[in-house]
N, C-alpha and C. Protein backbone atom coordinates (compact mmCIF):
# COMPACT_ATOMS: atom_id res chain seq x y z
N MET A 1 -73.74 -191.38 -215.72
CA MET A 1 -74.57 -192.05 -214.83
C MET A 1 -73.97 -192.50 -213.43
N TYR A 2 -74.71 -192.45 -212.26
CA TYR A 2 -74.50 -192.68 -211.13
C TYR A 2 -75.19 -193.90 -210.67
N THR A 3 -74.49 -194.85 -210.62
CA THR A 3 -75.58 -196.26 -210.28
C THR A 3 -75.41 -196.79 -208.82
N ILE A 4 -76.36 -197.00 -208.16
CA ILE A 4 -76.60 -197.49 -206.86
C ILE A 4 -77.01 -198.95 -206.82
N LEU A 5 -76.56 -199.76 -206.04
CA LEU A 5 -77.13 -201.01 -205.92
C LEU A 5 -77.55 -201.15 -204.46
N ALA A 6 -78.91 -201.60 -204.25
CA ALA A 6 -79.53 -201.68 -202.86
C ALA A 6 -79.92 -203.29 -202.77
N VAL A 7 -79.37 -203.96 -201.81
CA VAL A 7 -79.56 -205.23 -201.84
C VAL A 7 -80.28 -205.82 -200.55
N PHE A 8 -81.48 -206.62 -200.89
CA PHE A 8 -82.43 -207.21 -199.78
C PHE A 8 -82.41 -208.56 -199.84
N SER A 9 -83.03 -209.19 -199.05
CA SER A 9 -83.39 -210.70 -198.90
C SER A 9 -84.41 -210.88 -197.69
N MET A 10 -84.92 -212.19 -197.78
CA MET A 10 -85.93 -212.36 -196.78
C MET A 10 -85.44 -212.22 -195.48
N THR A 11 -84.26 -212.77 -195.04
CA THR A 11 -83.67 -212.53 -193.68
C THR A 11 -82.68 -211.26 -193.44
N ARG A 12 -82.58 -210.29 -194.73
CA ARG A 12 -81.62 -209.18 -194.62
C ARG A 12 -82.71 -208.15 -195.34
N TYR A 13 -83.47 -207.33 -194.51
CA TYR A 13 -84.20 -206.62 -195.17
C TYR A 13 -84.58 -205.57 -194.20
N SER A 14 -84.01 -204.08 -194.63
CA SER A 14 -84.34 -202.88 -194.03
C SER A 14 -84.84 -201.92 -194.57
N PRO A 15 -86.02 -201.24 -194.29
CA PRO A 15 -86.80 -200.10 -195.11
C PRO A 15 -85.82 -198.96 -194.88
N GLU A 16 -84.88 -198.78 -193.98
CA GLU A 16 -83.97 -197.57 -193.77
C GLU A 16 -82.98 -197.67 -194.95
N LEU A 17 -82.47 -198.95 -195.48
CA LEU A 17 -81.55 -199.17 -196.71
C LEU A 17 -82.02 -198.41 -197.71
N LEU A 18 -83.35 -198.98 -198.30
CA LEU A 18 -83.87 -198.06 -199.50
C LEU A 18 -83.86 -196.49 -199.06
N GLN A 19 -84.28 -196.03 -198.20
CA GLN A 19 -84.15 -194.64 -197.64
C GLN A 19 -82.99 -193.99 -197.79
N ASN A 20 -82.01 -194.71 -197.42
CA ASN A 20 -80.72 -194.16 -197.35
C ASN A 20 -80.14 -194.12 -199.22
N ALA A 21 -80.48 -195.26 -199.79
CA ALA A 21 -80.16 -195.30 -201.25
C ALA A 21 -80.84 -194.07 -201.88
N VAL A 22 -82.24 -193.83 -201.52
CA VAL A 22 -82.77 -192.80 -202.34
C VAL A 22 -81.92 -191.35 -201.97
N ALA A 23 -81.63 -191.37 -200.49
CA ALA A 23 -81.08 -190.08 -200.12
C ALA A 23 -79.79 -189.93 -200.88
N LYS A 24 -79.07 -191.07 -201.06
CA LYS A 24 -77.93 -190.89 -202.04
C LYS A 24 -78.31 -190.45 -203.29
N ALA A 25 -79.13 -191.18 -203.83
CA ALA A 25 -79.50 -190.88 -205.25
C ALA A 25 -79.80 -189.19 -205.52
N ARG A 26 -80.38 -188.91 -204.35
CA ARG A 26 -80.79 -187.18 -204.48
C ARG A 26 -79.69 -186.37 -204.49
N GLN A 27 -78.46 -186.89 -203.75
CA GLN A 27 -77.38 -186.04 -203.79
C GLN A 27 -76.50 -186.04 -205.09
N VAL A 28 -76.66 -186.99 -206.01
CA VAL A 28 -75.75 -187.21 -207.08
C VAL A 28 -76.68 -186.54 -208.38
N ASP A 29 -75.70 -186.48 -209.58
CA ASP A 29 -76.20 -186.28 -210.77
C ASP A 29 -76.59 -187.61 -211.51
N ASP A 30 -77.56 -187.70 -212.06
CA ASP A 30 -78.28 -188.86 -213.18
C ASP A 30 -78.09 -190.01 -212.44
N PRO A 31 -78.66 -190.22 -211.47
CA PRO A 31 -78.69 -191.82 -210.61
C PRO A 31 -79.62 -192.62 -211.24
N GLU A 32 -79.07 -193.69 -210.98
CA GLU A 32 -80.21 -195.02 -211.20
C GLU A 32 -79.81 -196.04 -210.32
N ILE A 33 -81.08 -196.58 -209.70
CA ILE A 33 -80.91 -197.35 -208.40
C ILE A 33 -81.23 -198.91 -208.92
N THR A 34 -80.42 -199.92 -208.77
CA THR A 34 -80.86 -201.26 -208.98
C THR A 34 -81.22 -202.05 -207.79
N VAL A 35 -82.30 -202.74 -207.51
CA VAL A 35 -82.52 -203.45 -206.24
C VAL A 35 -82.21 -204.64 -206.84
N LEU A 36 -81.63 -205.42 -205.70
CA LEU A 36 -81.32 -206.80 -206.21
C LEU A 36 -82.22 -207.66 -204.69
N TYR A 37 -83.05 -208.50 -204.99
CA TYR A 37 -83.73 -208.96 -204.08
C TYR A 37 -83.27 -210.63 -204.10
N VAL A 38 -82.75 -211.14 -203.28
CA VAL A 38 -82.12 -212.56 -203.15
C VAL A 38 -83.14 -213.68 -202.26
N THR A 39 -83.53 -214.30 -202.91
CA THR A 39 -84.33 -215.40 -202.18
C THR A 39 -83.29 -216.46 -201.87
N GLU A 40 -83.11 -216.78 -200.58
CA GLU A 40 -82.05 -217.63 -200.23
C GLU A 40 -82.58 -219.12 -199.97
N LYS A 41 -82.41 -219.84 -200.95
CA LYS A 41 -82.88 -221.19 -201.07
C LYS A 41 -82.38 -222.18 -199.66
N LYS A 42 -81.05 -221.61 -199.33
CA LYS A 42 -80.48 -222.65 -198.20
C LYS A 42 -81.40 -222.35 -196.82
N ASP A 43 -81.95 -221.21 -196.59
CA ASP A 43 -82.70 -220.84 -195.51
C ASP A 43 -84.07 -221.68 -195.69
N MET A 44 -84.68 -221.62 -196.83
CA MET A 44 -85.95 -222.51 -196.82
C MET A 44 -85.57 -224.02 -196.73
N GLU A 45 -84.34 -224.48 -197.27
CA GLU A 45 -84.03 -225.77 -196.88
C GLU A 45 -83.95 -226.32 -195.59
N LYS A 46 -83.15 -225.29 -194.68
CA LYS A 46 -82.97 -225.44 -193.40
C LYS A 46 -84.35 -225.42 -192.75
N LEU A 47 -85.18 -224.90 -192.95
CA LEU A 47 -86.25 -224.74 -192.45
C LEU A 47 -87.09 -225.96 -192.36
N LYS A 48 -87.21 -226.46 -193.87
CA LYS A 48 -87.85 -227.71 -194.15
C LYS A 48 -87.21 -229.00 -193.44
N ALA A 49 -86.09 -228.78 -193.32
CA ALA A 49 -85.18 -230.18 -192.37
C ALA A 49 -85.58 -229.94 -191.15
N ARG A 50 -85.41 -228.76 -190.62
CA ARG A 50 -86.11 -228.66 -189.10
C ARG A 50 -87.23 -228.98 -188.69
N THR A 51 -88.26 -228.68 -189.71
CA THR A 51 -89.49 -229.22 -189.47
C THR A 51 -89.56 -230.58 -189.68
N GLY A 52 -89.01 -231.07 -190.68
CA GLY A 52 -89.07 -232.43 -190.72
C GLY A 52 -88.38 -233.44 -189.56
N ASP A 53 -87.58 -232.85 -188.86
CA ASP A 53 -86.86 -233.53 -187.70
C ASP A 53 -87.61 -233.41 -186.60
N GLN A 54 -88.78 -232.64 -186.52
CA GLN A 54 -89.74 -233.04 -185.38
C GLN A 54 -90.40 -234.34 -185.36
N GLY A 55 -90.04 -235.16 -184.65
CA GLY A 55 -90.56 -236.66 -184.57
C GLY A 55 -92.20 -236.55 -184.49
N PHE A 56 -92.79 -235.75 -183.66
CA PHE A 56 -94.01 -235.98 -183.58
C PHE A 56 -94.92 -235.68 -184.80
N LEU A 57 -94.15 -234.93 -185.71
CA LEU A 57 -95.22 -234.48 -186.85
C LEU A 57 -95.09 -235.70 -188.10
N GLY A 58 -96.33 -235.93 -188.38
CA GLY A 58 -96.28 -236.96 -189.73
C GLY A 58 -95.74 -236.15 -190.96
N ARG A 59 -95.60 -237.08 -191.66
CA ARG A 59 -95.24 -236.57 -193.21
C ARG A 59 -96.32 -235.57 -193.71
N SER A 60 -97.45 -235.69 -194.00
CA SER A 60 -98.50 -234.77 -194.26
C SER A 60 -98.71 -233.46 -193.46
N SER A 61 -98.23 -233.63 -192.09
CA SER A 61 -98.24 -232.28 -191.31
C SER A 61 -97.13 -231.59 -191.48
N VAL A 62 -96.08 -232.19 -191.93
CA VAL A 62 -94.77 -231.49 -192.46
C VAL A 62 -95.15 -231.06 -193.61
N ASP A 63 -95.73 -231.62 -194.54
CA ASP A 63 -95.95 -230.99 -196.06
C ASP A 63 -97.13 -229.82 -195.69
N ARG A 64 -97.92 -229.79 -194.92
CA ARG A 64 -98.55 -228.76 -194.80
C ARG A 64 -98.27 -227.57 -194.23
N VAL A 65 -97.34 -227.74 -193.18
CA VAL A 65 -96.57 -226.71 -192.45
C VAL A 65 -95.47 -226.08 -193.45
N MET A 66 -94.99 -226.90 -194.34
CA MET A 66 -94.20 -226.31 -195.27
C MET A 66 -94.83 -225.51 -196.49
N HIS A 67 -96.11 -225.80 -196.81
CA HIS A 67 -96.67 -225.14 -197.92
C HIS A 67 -97.32 -224.08 -197.14
N THR A 68 -97.73 -223.97 -195.98
CA THR A 68 -98.35 -222.72 -195.40
C THR A 68 -96.86 -221.86 -195.21
N VAL A 69 -95.58 -222.12 -194.76
CA VAL A 69 -94.76 -221.49 -194.92
C VAL A 69 -94.11 -220.85 -195.94
N LEU A 70 -94.04 -221.60 -196.97
CA LEU A 70 -93.96 -221.17 -198.27
C LEU A 70 -94.76 -220.05 -198.83
N GLN A 71 -96.00 -220.25 -198.80
CA GLN A 71 -96.98 -219.14 -198.84
C GLN A 71 -96.82 -218.01 -198.50
N GLU A 72 -96.46 -218.12 -197.16
CA GLU A 72 -96.12 -216.91 -196.28
C GLU A 72 -94.87 -216.33 -196.67
N HIS A 73 -93.95 -217.01 -197.01
CA HIS A 73 -92.70 -216.45 -197.64
C HIS A 73 -92.96 -215.55 -198.86
N GLU A 74 -93.50 -216.14 -199.80
CA GLU A 74 -93.97 -215.64 -201.14
C GLU A 74 -94.79 -214.46 -200.77
N LYS A 75 -95.74 -214.43 -199.88
CA LYS A 75 -96.59 -213.29 -199.60
C LYS A 75 -95.92 -212.03 -198.90
N LEU A 76 -94.93 -212.35 -198.07
CA LEU A 76 -94.06 -211.05 -197.73
C LEU A 76 -92.99 -210.68 -198.56
N ARG A 77 -92.50 -211.65 -199.54
CA ARG A 77 -91.51 -211.19 -200.59
C ARG A 77 -92.25 -210.24 -201.52
N GLY A 78 -93.50 -210.77 -202.12
CA GLY A 78 -94.38 -209.80 -202.87
C GLY A 78 -94.64 -208.57 -202.30
N GLU A 79 -95.00 -208.30 -200.96
CA GLU A 79 -95.40 -207.16 -200.19
C GLU A 79 -94.08 -206.12 -200.15
N ARG A 80 -93.05 -206.74 -199.73
CA ARG A 80 -91.62 -206.03 -199.97
C ARG A 80 -91.33 -205.55 -201.21
N LEU A 81 -91.40 -206.27 -202.19
CA LEU A 81 -90.98 -205.89 -203.64
C LEU A 81 -92.05 -204.83 -204.04
N ALA A 82 -93.29 -204.70 -203.66
CA ALA A 82 -94.38 -203.87 -203.91
C ALA A 82 -94.20 -202.38 -203.13
N GLU A 83 -93.66 -202.67 -201.92
CA GLU A 83 -93.21 -201.62 -200.95
C GLU A 83 -92.02 -200.86 -201.91
N ILE A 84 -91.15 -201.54 -202.35
CA ILE A 84 -89.84 -200.87 -202.88
C ILE A 84 -90.34 -200.05 -204.21
N ARG A 85 -91.14 -200.91 -204.71
CA ARG A 85 -91.54 -200.35 -206.13
C ARG A 85 -92.36 -198.85 -205.89
N ARG A 86 -93.12 -198.89 -205.03
CA ARG A 86 -94.25 -197.69 -204.65
C ARG A 86 -93.03 -196.57 -204.37
N ARG A 87 -92.23 -197.14 -203.34
CA ARG A 87 -91.22 -195.85 -202.63
C ARG A 87 -90.43 -195.50 -203.75
N LEU A 88 -89.75 -196.19 -204.56
CA LEU A 88 -88.85 -195.83 -205.76
C LEU A 88 -89.56 -194.99 -206.65
N GLY A 89 -90.83 -195.26 -207.09
CA GLY A 89 -91.80 -194.59 -208.00
C GLY A 89 -92.27 -193.36 -207.60
N GLU A 90 -92.36 -193.26 -206.22
CA GLU A 90 -92.88 -191.99 -205.50
C GLU A 90 -91.36 -190.84 -205.53
N ALA A 91 -90.29 -191.35 -205.34
CA ALA A 91 -89.22 -190.86 -205.29
C ALA A 91 -88.69 -190.34 -206.97
N GLY A 92 -89.16 -191.04 -207.72
CA GLY A 92 -88.96 -190.36 -209.27
C GLY A 92 -87.64 -190.66 -209.66
N ILE A 93 -86.98 -191.59 -209.13
CA ILE A 93 -85.71 -192.26 -209.53
C ILE A 93 -85.74 -193.18 -210.31
N PRO A 94 -85.09 -193.07 -211.61
CA PRO A 94 -85.02 -194.33 -212.57
C PRO A 94 -84.36 -195.41 -211.74
N HIS A 95 -84.98 -196.56 -212.00
CA HIS A 95 -84.76 -197.94 -211.19
C HIS A 95 -84.84 -199.20 -211.89
N ARG A 96 -84.39 -200.37 -211.55
CA ARG A 96 -84.68 -201.62 -212.05
C ARG A 96 -84.49 -202.44 -210.73
N ILE A 97 -85.33 -203.70 -210.95
CA ILE A 97 -85.60 -204.57 -209.85
C ILE A 97 -85.23 -206.08 -210.31
N TYR A 98 -84.38 -206.65 -209.75
CA TYR A 98 -83.93 -207.99 -210.21
C TYR A 98 -84.34 -208.88 -209.09
N GLU A 99 -84.68 -210.08 -209.25
CA GLU A 99 -84.63 -211.06 -208.22
C GLU A 99 -83.63 -212.37 -208.53
N ARG A 100 -83.08 -212.87 -207.63
CA ARG A 100 -82.11 -214.06 -207.75
C ARG A 100 -82.45 -215.03 -206.75
N GLN A 101 -82.33 -216.16 -207.08
CA GLN A 101 -82.25 -217.15 -205.96
C GLN A 101 -80.98 -217.79 -205.91
N GLY A 102 -80.55 -218.29 -204.59
CA GLY A 102 -79.39 -219.02 -204.24
C GLY A 102 -78.79 -218.33 -203.03
N GLN A 103 -77.46 -218.63 -202.92
CA GLN A 103 -76.87 -218.19 -201.53
C GLN A 103 -76.31 -216.48 -201.63
N TYR A 104 -76.97 -215.94 -200.62
CA TYR A 104 -76.84 -214.52 -200.51
C TYR A 104 -75.37 -213.85 -201.00
N SER A 105 -74.67 -214.29 -200.64
CA SER A 105 -73.11 -213.72 -201.16
C SER A 105 -72.70 -213.87 -202.45
N ASP A 106 -73.03 -215.16 -203.06
CA ASP A 106 -73.02 -215.57 -204.62
C ASP A 106 -73.62 -214.54 -205.36
N CYS A 107 -74.93 -214.42 -204.89
CA CYS A 107 -75.79 -213.34 -205.93
C CYS A 107 -75.25 -212.16 -205.86
N VAL A 108 -75.13 -211.72 -204.86
CA VAL A 108 -74.55 -210.06 -204.72
C VAL A 108 -73.10 -210.09 -205.51
N ILE A 109 -72.29 -210.84 -205.20
CA ILE A 109 -71.16 -210.86 -205.74
C ILE A 109 -71.22 -211.01 -207.33
N LYS A 110 -71.87 -211.80 -207.90
CA LYS A 110 -72.14 -212.11 -209.05
C LYS A 110 -72.72 -210.65 -209.74
N GLU A 111 -73.77 -210.03 -209.03
CA GLU A 111 -74.32 -208.71 -209.44
C GLU A 111 -73.35 -207.81 -209.64
N VAL A 112 -72.31 -207.57 -208.72
CA VAL A 112 -71.36 -206.67 -208.55
C VAL A 112 -70.36 -206.85 -209.62
N GLU A 113 -70.01 -208.00 -209.88
CA GLU A 113 -69.02 -208.24 -211.08
C GLU A 113 -69.52 -207.85 -212.33
N GLY A 114 -70.89 -208.00 -212.63
CA GLY A 114 -71.56 -207.76 -213.88
C GLY A 114 -71.73 -206.22 -213.96
N MET A 115 -71.86 -205.45 -213.35
CA MET A 115 -72.05 -204.16 -213.28
C MET A 115 -71.21 -203.25 -212.41
N PRO A 116 -70.67 -202.18 -212.70
CA PRO A 116 -69.59 -201.27 -211.93
C PRO A 116 -70.70 -200.33 -211.38
N TYR A 117 -70.81 -200.75 -209.96
CA TYR A 117 -71.78 -199.83 -209.42
C TYR A 117 -70.94 -198.74 -208.44
N ASP A 118 -71.49 -197.30 -208.63
CA ASP A 118 -70.55 -196.42 -207.82
C ASP A 118 -70.94 -196.52 -206.23
N SER A 119 -71.86 -196.98 -205.85
CA SER A 119 -72.48 -197.19 -204.46
C SER A 119 -73.09 -198.44 -204.16
N VAL A 120 -73.00 -199.16 -203.18
CA VAL A 120 -73.57 -200.34 -202.91
C VAL A 120 -74.04 -200.24 -201.42
N PHE A 121 -75.37 -200.49 -201.28
CA PHE A 121 -76.25 -200.48 -199.89
C PHE A 121 -76.59 -201.74 -199.46
N LEU A 122 -75.84 -202.53 -198.47
CA LEU A 122 -76.11 -203.80 -197.89
C LEU A 122 -76.56 -203.46 -196.40
N PRO A 123 -77.55 -204.62 -196.06
CA PRO A 123 -78.15 -204.64 -194.86
C PRO A 123 -77.15 -205.10 -193.59
N ARG A 124 -77.19 -204.44 -192.65
CA ARG A 124 -76.30 -204.93 -191.44
C ARG A 124 -76.26 -206.61 -191.34
N PRO A 125 -75.53 -207.06 -191.00
CA PRO A 125 -75.35 -208.79 -190.82
C PRO A 125 -76.20 -209.04 -189.84
N SER A 126 -77.21 -210.21 -189.72
CA SER A 126 -78.11 -210.60 -188.73
C SER A 126 -77.52 -211.38 -187.72
N ARG A 127 -76.18 -211.87 -188.01
CA ARG A 127 -75.60 -212.69 -186.66
C ARG A 127 -74.94 -211.72 -185.81
N SER A 128 -75.10 -212.40 -184.67
CA SER A 128 -74.25 -211.76 -183.50
C SER A 128 -72.90 -211.47 -183.80
N PHE A 129 -72.27 -210.63 -183.18
CA PHE A 129 -70.78 -210.37 -183.25
C PHE A 129 -69.98 -211.61 -183.08
N LEU A 130 -69.94 -212.39 -182.09
CA LEU A 130 -69.65 -213.61 -181.69
C LEU A 130 -69.50 -214.81 -183.10
N GLU A 131 -70.99 -214.75 -183.57
CA GLU A 131 -71.33 -215.69 -184.69
C GLU A 131 -70.35 -215.20 -185.92
N ARG A 132 -70.29 -213.70 -186.03
CA ARG A 132 -69.69 -213.31 -187.42
C ARG A 132 -68.11 -213.52 -186.98
N LEU A 133 -67.80 -213.33 -185.95
CA LEU A 133 -66.22 -213.50 -185.56
C LEU A 133 -65.58 -215.04 -186.02
N PHE A 134 -66.60 -215.86 -185.43
CA PHE A 134 -65.87 -217.12 -185.49
C PHE A 134 -66.77 -217.78 -187.09
N LEU A 135 -67.74 -217.50 -187.28
CA LEU A 135 -68.28 -218.22 -188.52
C LEU A 135 -68.40 -217.43 -189.88
N GLY A 136 -67.78 -215.85 -189.55
CA GLY A 136 -67.88 -215.05 -190.77
C GLY A 136 -69.17 -214.33 -191.14
N SER A 137 -69.25 -213.41 -191.85
CA SER A 137 -70.45 -212.82 -192.19
C SER A 137 -70.38 -212.75 -193.93
N GLU A 138 -71.62 -213.11 -194.45
CA GLU A 138 -71.66 -212.93 -195.86
C GLU A 138 -71.65 -211.59 -196.12
N VAL A 139 -72.46 -210.70 -195.52
CA VAL A 139 -72.32 -209.12 -195.75
C VAL A 139 -70.92 -208.69 -195.76
N GLN A 140 -70.14 -208.84 -194.74
CA GLN A 140 -68.97 -208.53 -194.76
C GLN A 140 -68.04 -208.95 -195.71
N ARG A 141 -68.22 -210.39 -196.39
CA ARG A 141 -67.59 -210.66 -197.56
C ARG A 141 -67.87 -210.17 -198.85
N VAL A 142 -69.11 -209.92 -198.92
CA VAL A 142 -69.61 -209.05 -200.02
C VAL A 142 -68.97 -207.54 -200.23
N ALA A 143 -68.85 -207.06 -198.94
CA ALA A 143 -68.53 -205.70 -198.55
C ALA A 143 -67.27 -205.35 -199.08
N GLU A 144 -66.32 -206.46 -198.40
CA GLU A 144 -64.86 -206.27 -198.59
C GLU A 144 -64.12 -206.67 -200.06
N TYR A 145 -65.42 -207.49 -200.68
CA TYR A 145 -65.00 -207.87 -202.01
C TYR A 145 -65.28 -206.48 -202.97
N THR A 146 -66.39 -205.89 -202.75
CA THR A 146 -66.96 -204.97 -203.52
C THR A 146 -65.96 -203.80 -203.24
N ARG A 147 -65.38 -203.31 -202.17
CA ARG A 147 -64.52 -202.29 -201.94
C ARG A 147 -63.13 -202.59 -202.46
N ARG A 148 -62.81 -203.86 -202.57
CA ARG A 148 -61.40 -204.33 -203.06
C ARG A 148 -61.42 -204.35 -204.46
N GLU A 149 -62.39 -205.21 -205.17
CA GLU A 149 -62.37 -205.64 -206.61
C GLU A 149 -62.84 -204.51 -207.28
N LYS A 150 -63.91 -203.88 -207.03
CA LYS A 150 -64.74 -202.97 -207.70
C LYS A 150 -64.53 -201.38 -207.20
N ASN A 151 -64.01 -201.14 -206.23
CA ASN A 151 -63.55 -199.83 -205.67
C ASN A 151 -64.75 -199.03 -205.61
N SER A 152 -66.06 -199.72 -205.18
CA SER A 152 -67.23 -199.05 -205.10
C SER A 152 -67.25 -198.58 -203.39
N GLU A 153 -68.10 -197.58 -203.33
CA GLU A 153 -68.55 -196.90 -201.94
C GLU A 153 -69.33 -198.07 -201.48
N VAL A 154 -69.21 -198.63 -200.44
CA VAL A 154 -69.92 -199.83 -199.45
C VAL A 154 -70.81 -199.00 -198.34
N ASN A 155 -72.23 -199.04 -198.02
CA ASN A 155 -72.82 -198.50 -197.04
C ASN A 155 -73.70 -199.87 -196.47
N ILE A 156 -73.23 -200.03 -195.14
CA ILE A 156 -73.88 -201.05 -194.42
C ILE A 156 -74.98 -200.39 -193.67
N VAL A 157 -76.28 -200.91 -193.63
CA VAL A 157 -77.26 -199.90 -192.99
C VAL A 157 -77.98 -201.17 -192.05
N GLU A 158 -78.34 -200.52 -190.94
CA GLU A 158 -78.98 -201.17 -189.70
C GLU A 158 -80.50 -201.89 -190.40
């Protein structure tokens, strides 16, 4: 079996990534695609803190804004996962879909540690070049670990 991992999150999502993973699956014998969708709690906590820092908003206003944002986040997550399921079903490729909550790189590395994937598809980092240079890139850390420790092919997709 040829195992493929396609990784998505709220801030790291690319329709082309799934398209490339499906194209790779069609090139190999006995493929299986695993989709990992990471919900990044850190981003939601930052959003809540930034909303709360706005002095002109009262506590009830912040709560309403956060409730609306979380509802929208959940709606978008559901739509994306439904689209992924639909596209994989149409492609007729065996697949599994997992969701994890936590820091992006930790969740992906944990998944890669637990399963020997032949090919891993990651979205291009959302930070600018300078931000990645000085602050690092979670996608790059995952890619380097996956190549070095698991000897897997890594594909970073726009």
